[in-house]
Structures are given as C-alpha cells and as structure tokens.
C-alpha atoms as a PDB file:
ATOM      1  CA  MET A   1      93.604  46.153  68.918  1.00  0.00           C
ATOM      2  CA  ILE A   2      92.987  42.524  69.915  1.00  0.00           C
ATOM      3  CA  ILE A   3      95.286  42.948  72.905  1.00  0.00           C
ATOM      4  CA  ASP A   4      93.305  46.024  73.996  1.00  0.00           C
ATOM      5  CA  VAL A   5      90.043  44.066  73.863  1.00  0.00           C
ATOM      6  CA  SER A   6      91.611  41.234  75.859  1.00  0.00           C
ATOM      7  CA  ASN A   7      92.846  43.694  78.468  1.00  0.00           C
ATOM      8  CA  LEU A   8      89.408  45.286  78.635  1.00  0.00           C
ATOM      9  CA  ILE A   9      87.747  41.927  79.213  1.00  0.00           C
ATOM     10  CA  ASP A  10      90.246  40.986  81.935  1.00  0.00           C
ATOM     11  CA  LYS A  11      90.130  44.377  83.655  1.00  0.00           C
ATOM     12  CA  LYS A  12      88.774  44.098  87.205  1.00  0.00           C
ATOM     13  CA  ASP A  13      87.744  47.699  87.898  1.00  0.00           C
ATOM     14  CA  LYS A  14      85.922  48.886  84.800  1.00  0.00           C
ATOM     15  CA  ASN A  15      84.877  52.513  84.489  1.00  0.00           C
ATOM     16  CA  GLU A  16      81.745  53.702  82.676  1.00  0.00           C
ATOM     17  CA  LEU A  17      83.477  53.864  79.285  1.00  0.00           C
ATOM     18  CA  ASP A  18      84.836  50.333  79.745  1.00  0.00           C
ATOM     19  CA  GLU A  19      81.330  49.062  80.548  1.00  0.00           C
ATOM     20  CA  LEU A  20      79.928  50.853  77.505  1.00  0.00           C
ATOM     21  CA  CYS A  21      82.588  49.286  75.266  1.00  0.00           C
ATOM     22  CA  MET A  22      81.835  45.850  76.705  1.00  0.00           C
ATOM     23  CA  ARG A  23      78.090  46.238  76.061  1.00  0.00           C
ATOM     24  CA  MET A  24      78.836  47.466  72.521  1.00  0.00           C
ATOM     25  CA  LEU A  25      81.027  44.437  71.823  1.00  0.00           C
ATOM     26  CA  GLN A  26      78.371  42.092  73.183  1.00  0.00           C
ATOM     27  CA  TYR A  27      75.617  43.726  71.113  1.00  0.00           C
ATOM     28  CA  PHE A  28      77.756  43.703  67.958  1.00  0.00           C
ATOM     29  CA  SER A  29      78.636  40.031  68.524  1.00  0.00           C
ATOM     30  CA  LYS A  30      74.970  39.194  68.960  1.00  0.00           C
ATOM     31  CA  ALA A  31      74.068  41.149  65.819  1.00  0.00           C
ATOM     32  CA  ILE A  32      76.582  39.472  63.513  1.00  0.00           C
ATOM     33  CA  SER A  33      75.778  35.993  64.826  1.00  0.00           C
ATOM     34  CA  GLU A  34      72.026  36.389  64.250  1.00  0.00           C
ATOM     35  CA  LYS A  35      70.754  33.803  61.759  1.00  0.00           C
ATOM     36  CA  ASP A  36      67.779  35.850  60.533  1.00  0.00           C
ATOM     37  CA  LEU A  37      69.104  38.334  57.962  1.00  0.00           C
ATOM     38  CA  HIS A  38      66.370  40.901  58.699  1.00  0.00           C
ATOM     39  CA  VAL A  39      67.044  40.862  62.437  1.00  0.00           C
ATOM     40  CA  ARG A  40      70.818  41.005  61.838  1.00  0.00           C
ATOM     41  CA  THR A  41      70.396  44.005  59.542  1.00  0.00           C
ATOM     42  CA  THR A  42      68.124  45.754  62.042  1.00  0.00           C
ATOM     43  CA  HIS A  43      70.671  45.282  64.836  1.00  0.00           C
ATOM     44  CA  LEU A  44      73.541  46.566  62.677  1.00  0.00           C
ATOM     45  CA  ILE A  45      71.542  49.629  61.590  1.00  0.00           C
ATOM     46  CA  THR A  46      70.715  50.290  65.244  1.00  0.00           C
ATOM     47  CA  ILE A  47      74.422  50.181  66.085  1.00  0.00           C
ATOM     48  CA  ILE A  48      75.259  52.633  63.288  1.00  0.00           C
ATOM     49  CA  GLU A  49      72.456  54.978  64.364  1.00  0.00           C
ATOM     50  CA  SER A  50      73.616  54.890  67.973  1.00  0.00           C
ATOM     51  CA  ILE A  51      77.108  55.936  66.880  1.00  0.00           C
ATOM     52  CA  PHE A  52      76.012  58.896  64.738  1.00  0.00           C
ATOM     53  CA  LEU A  53      72.928  60.232  66.595  1.00  0.00           C
ATOM     54  CA  LEU A  54      72.504  62.144  69.824  1.00  0.00           C
ATOM     55  CA  ASP A  55      69.802  61.079  72.299  1.00  0.00           C
ATOM     56  CA  LYS A  56      67.722  64.206  71.648  1.00  0.00           C
ATOM     57  CA  GLU A  57      67.670  63.790  67.853  1.00  0.00           C
ATOM     58  CA  THR A  58      64.404  62.162  66.864  1.00  0.00           C
ATOM     59  CA  TYR A  59      63.520  63.971  63.636  1.00  0.00           C
ATOM     60  CA  GLY A  60      65.271  63.386  60.312  1.00  0.00           C
ATOM     61  CA  MET A  61      67.435  60.641  61.771  1.00  0.00           C
ATOM     62  CA  ALA A  62      68.240  58.916  58.459  1.00  0.00           C
ATOM     63  CA  GLY A  63      69.563  62.125  56.918  1.00  0.00           C
ATOM     64  CA  LEU A  64      71.643  62.958  59.980  1.00  0.00           C
ATOM     65  CA  VAL A  65      73.146  59.470  60.090  1.00  0.00           C
ATOM     66  CA  LYS A  66      74.014  59.501  56.378  1.00  0.00           C
ATOM     67  CA  LYS A  67      75.507  62.993  56.601  1.00  0.00           C
ATOM     68  CA  ARG A  68      77.651  62.194  59.646  1.00  0.00           C
ATOM     69  CA  MET A  69      78.680  58.795  58.305  1.00  0.00           C
ATOM     70  CA  GLY A  70      79.740  60.385  55.011  1.00  0.00           C
ATOM     71  CA  CYS A  71      81.804  62.970  56.882  1.00  0.00           C
ATOM     72  CA  PHE A  72      83.352  60.256  59.051  1.00  0.00           C
ATOM     73  CA  LEU A  73      84.258  58.008  56.117  1.00  0.00           C
ATOM     74  CA  TYR A  74      85.289  60.673  53.593  1.00  0.00           C
ATOM     75  CA  LYS A  75      86.597  63.757  55.397  1.00  0.00           C
ATOM     76  CA  GLN A  76      88.249  65.347  52.354  1.00  0.00           C
ATOM     77  CA  ASN A  77      86.270  63.869  49.445  1.00  0.00           C
ATOM     78  CA  ILE A  78      83.080  65.886  48.973  1.00  0.00           C
ATOM     79  CA  THR A  79      81.888  63.707  46.053  1.00  0.00           C
ATOM     80  CA  GLN A  80      82.036  60.540  48.170  1.00  0.00           C
ATOM     81  CA  LYS A  81      80.356  62.308  51.124  1.00  0.00           C
ATOM     82  CA  ASN A  82      77.481  63.303  48.865  1.00  0.00           C
ATOM     83  CA  LYS A  83      77.152  59.754  47.527  1.00  0.00           C
ATOM     84  CA  VAL A  84      76.657  58.442  51.076  1.00  0.00           C
ATOM     85  CA  TYR A  85      74.164  61.206  51.838  1.00  0.00           C
ATOM     86  CA  CYS A  86      72.162  60.472  48.664  1.00  0.00           C
ATOM     87  CA  ILE A  87      71.714  56.744  49.358  1.00  0.00           C
ATOM     88  CA  THR A  88      68.009  55.969  49.253  1.00  0.00           C
ATOM     89  CA  TYR A  89      65.880  52.896  49.783  1.00  0.00           C
ATOM     90  CA  LYS A  90      64.663  51.406  46.519  1.00  0.00           C
ATOM     91  CA  ASN A  91      61.757  48.999  46.553  1.00  0.00           C
END
C-alpha cells in the first residue's frame, strides 16, 4: 500500500482518478493534523460523507451514510449493520 502511494506521488502523467486520490490524501492529511478537535471531526465526517453519498443526495444524508457504512463494514452481520444504522447523537 505504501509503495502504491509512493508510485502515485512520483507518477508524471496522472489521470483523473490519480488526481482525485491525491486530493483525497491531501485532505485527509490536513484533517488528521488539525489541532482543533471540532474542525478535525468536521473534516473527517465530510470525508466519510463524500465516500458514501452521491452528489444528488441531499435529503436524509445521515441515514444514508450510516446505512451504507454499516453495509460496507459488516456485509454478512445484520446485527452489526443495524447497530451502525441506529447510532444517534446524544446531547
């Protein structure tokens, strides 16, 4: 994996997917190096949302993200999928 990232960085003629991966790595690096916990969390949530949402989906985004993330993490385990989907914000 590390070798692949190194090759991507060194690659002269990057295609659109390569550029997208580079921007994602830069944004992730910026997010995890952020000193302010709230800003760091916001950036990381934005990254997760961008992975699991389509551009046209603007309604019910939290539910869609949780559902797709649960399916991604726990393909065969329905109980675990439901636990991810049922995560709620508690004040």
